[in-house]
N, C-alpha and C. Protein backbone atom coordinates (compact mmCIF):
# COMPACT_ATOMS: atom_id res chain seq x y z
N MET A 1 -0.84 -7.04 66.52
CA MET A 1 -1.87 -6.23 66.70
C MET A 1 -2.04 -5.69 68.34
N ARG A 2 -2.84 -4.81 68.27
CA ARG A 2 -3.48 -3.93 69.27
C ARG A 2 -4.44 -4.22 69.23
N GLY A 3 -5.21 -4.15 70.63
CA GLY A 3 -6.82 -4.05 71.12
C GLY A 3 -6.91 -2.83 71.64
N TRP A 4 -8.27 -2.51 72.06
CA TRP A 4 -8.73 -1.46 72.93
C TRP A 4 -10.50 -1.86 72.97
N THR A 5 -11.01 -1.60 74.57
CA THR A 5 -12.20 -2.01 74.82
C THR A 5 -12.79 -0.79 75.51
N GLU A 6 -13.38 -0.12 75.34
CA GLU A 6 -14.41 0.53 76.24
C GLU A 6 -15.43 0.16 76.61
N GLN A 7 -15.56 0.23 78.23
CA GLN A 7 -16.77 -0.18 78.93
C GLN A 7 -17.19 0.88 79.69
N PRO A 8 -18.27 1.82 79.47
CA PRO A 8 -19.08 2.66 80.79
C PRO A 8 -19.24 1.95 81.59
N GLY A 9 -18.65 2.31 82.91
CA GLY A 9 -19.17 2.22 84.18
C GLY A 9 -20.54 2.51 84.58
N SER A 10 -21.39 3.48 83.70
CA SER A 10 -22.28 3.69 84.01
C SER A 10 -23.44 3.22 83.47
N ASP A 11 -23.28 2.34 82.53
CA ASP A 11 -24.45 1.72 81.77
C ASP A 11 -24.80 0.28 82.12
N PRO A 12 -25.71 -0.26 82.30
CA PRO A 12 -25.72 -1.45 82.95
C PRO A 12 -25.80 -2.32 81.92
N ARG A 13 -25.81 -2.07 80.51
CA ARG A 13 -25.82 -2.96 79.31
C ARG A 13 -24.34 -3.66 79.44
N PHE A 14 -23.60 -3.13 79.74
CA PHE A 14 -22.12 -3.32 79.70
C PHE A 14 -21.43 -3.56 80.81
N THR A 15 -21.92 -4.13 81.95
CA THR A 15 -21.33 -5.15 82.69
C THR A 15 -20.29 -6.01 82.67
N GLN A 16 -20.84 -6.98 81.71
CA GLN A 16 -19.90 -7.86 81.27
C GLN A 16 -18.97 -7.78 80.01
N ILE A 17 -19.96 -7.02 79.23
CA ILE A 17 -19.30 -6.90 77.86
C ILE A 17 -19.10 -5.39 77.20
N PRO A 18 -17.77 -5.55 76.21
CA PRO A 18 -17.54 -4.06 76.26
C PRO A 18 -18.29 -3.30 75.29
N ALA A 19 -18.35 -2.22 75.61
CA ALA A 19 -19.55 -1.19 74.99
C ALA A 19 -18.83 -0.95 73.33
N THR A 20 -17.35 -1.08 73.18
CA THR A 20 -16.80 -0.62 71.99
C THR A 20 -15.60 -1.78 71.90
N THR A 21 -15.04 -2.13 70.70
CA THR A 21 -13.76 -2.70 70.68
C THR A 21 -13.05 -2.06 69.88
N ARG A 22 -11.93 -1.68 69.77
CA ARG A 22 -11.19 -1.02 68.30
C ARG A 22 -10.07 -2.25 68.48
N ALA A 23 -9.01 -1.99 67.36
CA ALA A 23 -8.11 -2.99 66.91
C ALA A 23 -7.13 -2.59 65.59
N GLU A 24 -6.02 -3.06 65.77
CA GLU A 24 -4.73 -2.15 64.65
C GLU A 24 -4.15 -3.52 64.07
N LEU A 25 -4.59 -3.85 63.24
CA LEU A 25 -3.61 -5.03 62.58
C LEU A 25 -2.57 -4.93 61.77
N ARG A 26 -1.39 -5.47 61.86
CA ARG A 26 -0.51 -4.97 61.11
C ARG A 26 -0.16 -6.24 60.32
N PHE A 27 -0.09 -6.42 59.33
CA PHE A 27 0.72 -7.62 58.63
C PHE A 27 1.91 -7.58 57.99
N ALA A 28 2.76 -8.54 57.70
CA ALA A 28 3.93 -9.16 57.07
C ALA A 28 4.13 -7.96 56.04
N SER A 29 2.99 -7.60 55.02
CA SER A 29 3.08 -7.06 54.03
C SER A 29 3.47 -5.61 53.94
N GLY A 30 3.09 -5.00 55.34
CA GLY A 30 3.22 -3.18 55.42
C GLY A 30 1.61 -3.16 55.88
N ALA A 31 0.64 -3.70 55.57
CA ALA A 31 -0.89 -2.89 55.29
C ALA A 31 -1.01 -3.22 56.49
N VAL A 32 -2.09 -2.02 56.98
CA VAL A 32 -2.42 -2.00 58.24
C VAL A 32 -3.88 -1.86 58.24
N ALA A 33 -4.66 -2.91 59.15
CA ALA A 33 -6.61 -2.62 58.95
C ALA A 33 -6.41 -2.24 60.51
N LYS A 34 -7.61 -0.68 60.48
CA LYS A 34 -7.96 -0.08 61.53
C LYS A 34 -9.60 -0.96 61.84
N ILE A 35 -9.99 -1.20 63.14
CA ILE A 35 -11.50 -2.41 62.90
C ILE A 35 -11.83 -1.28 64.60
N VAL A 36 -13.19 -0.98 64.22
CA VAL A 36 -13.62 -0.30 65.05
C VAL A 36 -15.39 -1.36 65.14
N THR A 37 -16.08 -1.87 66.33
CA THR A 37 -17.17 -2.01 66.24
C THR A 37 -17.85 -1.82 67.65
N SER A 38 -18.61 -1.60 67.52
CA SER A 38 -19.53 -1.00 68.75
C SER A 38 -21.48 -1.22 68.60
N PHE A 39 -21.57 -1.64 70.31
CA PHE A 39 -22.84 -1.26 70.45
C PHE A 39 -23.81 -0.15 71.01
N ASP A 40 -22.98 0.67 71.07
CA ASP A 40 -23.09 2.35 71.43
C ASP A 40 -22.27 3.25 70.99
N LEU A 41 -21.88 3.34 69.73
CA LEU A 41 -21.35 4.17 68.69
C LEU A 41 -22.69 4.79 68.13
N PRO A 42 -22.49 5.52 67.34
CA PRO A 42 -23.72 6.14 66.44
C PRO A 42 -23.73 4.78 65.12
N SER A 43 -24.57 4.52 64.35
CA SER A 43 -24.50 3.12 63.47
C SER A 43 -24.04 3.75 62.22
N SER A 44 -23.11 2.97 61.98
CA SER A 44 -22.06 2.93 60.91
C SER A 44 -21.76 1.29 60.36
N ASN A 45 -21.93 1.69 58.94
CA ASN A 45 -21.53 -0.21 58.12
C ASN A 45 -20.98 0.46 56.98
N ARG A 46 -18.96 0.75 57.29
CA ARG A 46 -18.34 1.40 56.06
C ARG A 46 -17.44 0.28 56.29
N VAL A 47 -16.76 0.44 54.70
CA VAL A 47 -15.34 -0.18 55.10
C VAL A 47 -14.34 0.70 54.01
N HIS A 48 -13.19 0.92 54.24
CA HIS A 48 -12.77 2.24 53.20
C HIS A 48 -11.37 1.64 53.27
N VAL A 49 -10.70 1.27 52.17
CA VAL A 49 -9.65 0.89 52.10
C VAL A 49 -8.70 1.69 51.09
N ILE A 50 -7.32 2.07 51.83
CA ILE A 50 -7.08 2.98 51.07
C ILE A 50 -5.53 2.08 50.55
N GLY A 51 -5.28 2.15 49.32
CA GLY A 51 -4.01 1.56 48.91
C GLY A 51 -3.33 2.76 47.91
N SER A 52 -1.97 1.95 47.25
CA SER A 52 -1.17 2.94 46.88
C SER A 52 -1.50 3.53 45.49
N ASP A 53 -2.53 3.16 45.00
CA ASP A 53 -3.58 3.61 43.49
C ASP A 53 -4.11 3.97 43.84
N GLY A 54 -5.15 4.00 44.73
CA GLY A 54 -6.41 4.67 44.95
C GLY A 54 -7.08 4.16 46.34
N ASN A 55 -8.17 4.21 46.26
CA ASN A 55 -9.05 3.57 47.50
C ASN A 55 -10.24 3.38 47.02
N LEU A 56 -11.08 2.18 47.91
CA LEU A 56 -12.13 1.83 47.58
C LEU A 56 -13.44 2.16 48.80
N LEU A 57 -14.23 2.73 48.69
CA LEU A 57 -15.33 3.10 49.83
C LEU A 57 -16.15 1.69 49.65
N MET A 58 -16.79 0.95 50.77
CA MET A 58 -18.01 0.48 50.84
C MET A 58 -18.99 1.16 51.97
N ASP A 59 -20.33 2.20 51.23
CA ASP A 59 -20.99 2.40 52.34
C ASP A 59 -21.92 3.14 52.10
N PRO A 60 -23.36 1.76 52.37
CA PRO A 60 -23.08 0.90 53.50
C PRO A 60 -22.38 -0.13 52.82
N ALA A 61 -21.85 -1.54 53.49
CA ALA A 61 -20.72 -2.21 53.42
C ALA A 61 -21.52 -3.78 53.26
N THR A 62 -22.15 -4.06 54.54
CA THR A 62 -22.39 -5.51 54.32
C THR A 62 -24.18 -5.44 55.28
N GLY A 63 -24.87 -4.47 54.82
CA GLY A 63 -26.52 -5.16 54.93
C GLY A 63 -26.95 -5.78 54.17
N TYR A 64 -28.36 -5.88 54.32
CA TYR A 64 -29.11 -7.17 53.53
C TYR A 64 -29.52 -6.18 52.25
N GLY A 65 -29.27 -5.01 52.27
CA GLY A 65 -29.82 -4.27 50.83
C GLY A 65 -28.93 -2.62 50.80
N GLY A 66 -29.31 -2.46 49.52
CA GLY A 66 -28.74 -1.07 49.44
C GLY A 66 -27.01 -0.76 49.24
N ASN A 67 -26.53 -2.07 49.90
CA ASN A 67 -24.74 -1.69 49.78
C ASN A 67 -24.28 -1.16 48.64
N ARG A 68 -22.85 0.00 48.56
CA ARG A 68 -22.60 0.75 47.44
C ARG A 68 -21.22 0.52 47.75
N MET A 69 -20.66 0.70 46.56
CA MET A 69 -19.13 0.90 46.43
C MET A 69 -18.52 1.56 45.49
N ARG A 70 -17.20 2.43 45.92
CA ARG A 70 -17.36 3.30 44.67
C ARG A 70 -15.95 3.26 45.00
N LEU A 71 -15.21 2.79 43.51
CA LEU A 71 -13.02 2.71 43.51
C LEU A 71 -12.66 3.95 42.87
N THR A 72 -11.92 4.85 43.45
CA THR A 72 -11.31 5.80 42.95
C THR A 72 -9.61 5.33 42.53
N ARG A 73 -9.28 6.16 41.17
CA ARG A 73 -8.01 6.09 41.07
C ARG A 73 -7.37 7.22 40.58
N GLY A 74 -6.26 7.23 40.74
CA GLY A 74 -5.97 9.08 39.84
C GLY A 74 -7.19 9.86 39.69
N GLY A 75 -7.87 10.13 40.84
CA GLY A 75 -8.77 10.88 40.94
C GLY A 75 -10.31 10.97 39.99
N VAL A 76 -10.01 9.45 39.74
CA VAL A 76 -11.64 9.06 39.06
C VAL A 76 -12.18 8.09 39.82
N ALA A 77 -13.36 8.43 40.02
CA ALA A 77 -14.52 7.80 40.72
C ALA A 77 -15.09 7.03 39.96
N GLU A 78 -15.47 5.70 40.04
CA GLU A 78 -16.41 4.52 39.48
C GLU A 78 -17.03 3.57 40.62
N ASP A 79 -18.51 4.10 40.12
CA ASP A 79 -19.34 2.97 41.13
C ASP A 79 -19.34 1.63 40.67
N LEU A 80 -18.94 0.46 41.36
CA LEU A 80 -19.34 -0.43 41.42
C LEU A 80 -20.34 -1.57 42.03
N ALA A 81 -20.68 -2.37 41.31
CA ALA A 81 -22.07 -3.22 41.63
C ALA A 81 -21.05 -4.34 42.82
N PRO A 82 -21.65 -4.27 43.57
CA PRO A 82 -21.66 -5.17 45.10
C PRO A 82 -21.59 -6.56 45.04
N GLY A 83 -22.98 -6.66 43.81
CA GLY A 83 -23.45 -7.96 44.02
C GLY A 83 -24.50 -7.59 44.79
N ASN A 84 -25.45 -9.18 44.90
CA ASN A 84 -26.63 -9.03 45.66
C ASN A 84 -26.84 -8.95 46.85
N SER A 85 -27.16 -8.04 47.63
CA SER A 85 -26.49 -8.26 49.50
C SER A 85 -28.05 -9.31 49.68
N ASP A 86 -28.84 -9.36 49.34
CA ASP A 86 -30.25 -9.85 49.52
C ASP A 86 -30.10 -11.56 50.01
N ILE A 87 -28.95 -12.09 49.22
CA ILE A 87 -28.77 -13.36 48.94
C ILE A 87 -27.65 -13.99 49.64
N GLN A 88 -26.90 -12.63 50.92
CA GLN A 88 -25.70 -12.89 51.00
C GLN A 88 -25.55 -14.31 51.78
N PHE A 89 -26.37 -14.42 52.67
CA PHE A 89 -26.18 -15.63 53.82
C PHE A 89 -27.10 -16.79 53.47
N ALA A 90 -27.99 -16.65 52.02
CA ALA A 90 -28.67 -17.95 51.77
C ALA A 90 -27.62 -18.70 50.72
N ARG A 91 -26.36 -18.51 50.75
CA ARG A 91 -25.89 -19.32 50.00
C ARG A 91 -25.46 -20.64 51.31
N MET A 92 -24.55 -19.48 52.42
CA MET A 92 -24.36 -20.80 53.43
C MET A 92 -24.69 -22.05 53.99
N PRO A 93 -26.31 -21.65 54.40
CA PRO A 93 -27.03 -23.12 54.46
C PRO A 93 -27.14 -23.98 52.99
N GLN A 94 -27.28 -23.27 51.57
CA GLN A 94 -27.05 -24.59 50.61
C GLN A 94 -25.59 -25.09 50.63
N HIS A 95 -24.92 -24.27 50.81
CA HIS A 95 -23.41 -24.88 50.77
C HIS A 95 -23.58 -25.94 51.54
N PHE A 96 -23.96 -25.70 52.86
CA PHE A 96 -23.49 -27.02 54.17
C PHE A 96 -24.39 -27.87 53.68
N ALA A 97 -25.51 -27.59 53.04
CA ALA A 97 -26.73 -28.63 52.79
C ALA A 97 -25.62 -29.67 51.58
N ASN A 98 -25.16 -29.01 50.68
CA ASN A 98 -24.59 -29.63 49.62
C ASN A 98 -23.39 -30.56 50.24
N ALA A 99 -22.73 -30.21 51.30
CA ALA A 99 -21.55 -30.34 51.62
C ALA A 99 -21.55 -32.05 52.34
N ILE A 100 -22.68 -32.07 52.54
CA ILE A 100 -23.68 -33.20 53.72
C ILE A 100 -24.01 -34.23 52.49
N ARG A 101 -24.18 -33.71 51.17
CA ARG A 101 -24.94 -34.39 50.23
C ARG A 101 -23.74 -34.86 49.60
N GLU A 102 -23.16 -34.03 48.91
CA GLU A 102 -21.95 -34.25 48.23
C GLU A 102 -20.64 -34.64 48.24
N ASP A 103 -20.23 -33.98 49.09
CA ASP A 103 -18.77 -33.78 49.80
C ASP A 103 -17.37 -32.92 49.39
N PRO A 104 -18.33 -31.94 48.40
CA PRO A 104 -17.42 -30.83 48.06
C PRO A 104 -16.41 -30.45 49.13
N PRO A 105 -15.55 -29.66 48.61
CA PRO A 105 -14.11 -29.11 49.24
C PRO A 105 -15.34 -27.82 49.52
N ILE A 106 -15.00 -27.84 51.19
CA ILE A 106 -15.85 -26.69 51.86
C ILE A 106 -15.20 -25.70 51.37
N LEU A 107 -15.66 -24.06 51.33
CA LEU A 107 -15.29 -23.08 51.00
C LEU A 107 -14.75 -22.29 52.12
N THR A 108 -15.60 -22.80 53.44
CA THR A 108 -14.94 -21.78 54.65
C THR A 108 -14.59 -23.05 55.70
N PRO A 109 -13.52 -23.43 55.56
CA PRO A 109 -13.25 -24.37 57.02
C PRO A 109 -13.05 -24.32 58.07
N GLY A 110 -13.04 -25.15 58.93
CA GLY A 110 -13.42 -24.74 60.24
C GLY A 110 -12.16 -24.11 60.85
N GLU A 111 -10.88 -24.53 59.88
CA GLU A 111 -9.00 -23.81 60.48
C GLU A 111 -9.95 -22.19 60.28
N MET A 112 -10.87 -21.43 59.38
CA MET A 112 -10.78 -20.52 59.03
C MET A 112 -11.45 -19.81 60.55
N GLY A 113 -12.23 -20.67 60.70
CA GLY A 113 -13.17 -20.04 62.31
C GLY A 113 -12.57 -20.11 63.34
N LEU A 114 -11.35 -20.88 63.74
CA LEU A 114 -10.27 -21.39 64.59
C LEU A 114 -9.55 -20.12 64.45
N ARG A 115 -8.71 -19.51 63.28
CA ARG A 115 -7.98 -18.70 63.27
C ARG A 115 -8.60 -17.07 63.13
N ASP A 116 -10.12 -16.84 62.97
CA ASP A 116 -10.57 -15.69 63.30
C ASP A 116 -10.80 -15.79 65.02
N THR A 117 -11.53 -16.93 65.77
CA THR A 117 -11.30 -16.85 67.42
C THR A 117 -9.91 -16.70 67.59
N ARG A 118 -8.84 -16.93 67.08
CA ARG A 118 -7.54 -16.74 67.97
C ARG A 118 -7.27 -15.14 67.46
N ILE A 119 -8.03 -14.80 66.44
CA ILE A 119 -7.58 -13.18 66.54
C ILE A 119 -8.35 -12.21 67.31
N ILE A 120 -9.55 -12.58 67.48
CA ILE A 120 -10.57 -12.32 68.31
C ILE A 120 -10.18 -12.55 69.82
N GLU A 121 -9.19 -13.17 70.23
CA GLU A 121 -9.13 -13.61 71.63
C GLU A 121 -7.67 -13.04 71.45
N ALA A 122 -6.72 -12.42 70.25
CA ALA A 122 -5.78 -11.59 70.85
C ALA A 122 -5.98 -10.31 70.92
N ILE A 123 -6.85 -9.73 70.14
CA ILE A 123 -7.78 -8.47 70.47
C ILE A 123 -7.89 -8.25 71.81
N TYR A 124 -8.37 -9.24 72.70
CA TYR A 124 -8.99 -8.82 74.02
C TYR A 124 -7.86 -8.95 74.61
N ALA A 125 -6.96 -9.84 74.48
CA ALA A 125 -5.69 -10.11 75.46
C ALA A 125 -4.95 -8.68 75.46
N SER A 126 -4.59 -8.02 74.38
CA SER A 126 -4.08 -7.17 73.74
C SER A 126 -4.70 -5.64 74.95
N ALA A 127 -5.97 -5.85 74.53
CA ALA A 127 -6.61 -4.74 74.98
C ALA A 127 -6.50 -5.06 76.81
N GLU A 128 -6.45 -5.79 77.41
CA GLU A 128 -6.54 -6.20 79.10
C GLU A 128 -5.13 -5.61 79.27
N SER A 129 -3.75 -6.38 78.57
CA SER A 129 -2.67 -5.92 78.96
C SER A 129 -1.91 -4.91 78.65
N GLY A 130 -2.50 -4.33 77.82
CA GLY A 130 -2.14 -2.78 77.32
C GLY A 130 -1.10 -2.88 75.97
N GLU A 131 -0.33 -4.04 75.90
CA GLU A 131 0.59 -4.61 75.07
C GLU A 131 0.08 -4.65 73.44
N THR A 132 0.90 -5.00 72.79
CA THR A 132 1.35 -5.42 71.08
C THR A 132 0.71 -7.13 71.49
N VAL A 133 0.17 -7.69 70.84
CA VAL A 133 0.11 -9.42 70.34
C VAL A 133 0.51 -9.76 69.14
N ARG A 134 1.60 -10.71 69.46
CA ARG A 134 1.56 -11.08 67.81
C ARG A 134 1.18 -12.11 67.36
N LEU A 135 0.88 -12.75 66.35
CA LEU A 135 0.35 -14.20 65.93
C LEU A 135 1.11 -14.46 64.97
């Protein structure tokens, strides 16, 4: 994976954190993910997945309401229902409380958080070194 950060020297908000972080992740399958997150760029909340048979556009993608999904295959577009955005985070504390009371399998175990942390650290390491980082 490759990572890049942007930190405008003249902006006091970004003396300790990057204003923008970009990453390109390449998977063994050949899939490529390009990610941009920023405190400084104009607001955007979109996910665009391009596949061999079509593409999926989520715009807005992860807000608390009004999310939209459009799947296009063979030139034909279909609007999909992304689910109820209003409850996306409500299920997390419910699952946590249930895990304490009943001990079910954890849907998002700590290993997933550790994996995510390693990916984030690799993005920053790549941005600092200018080199590709393999995980």
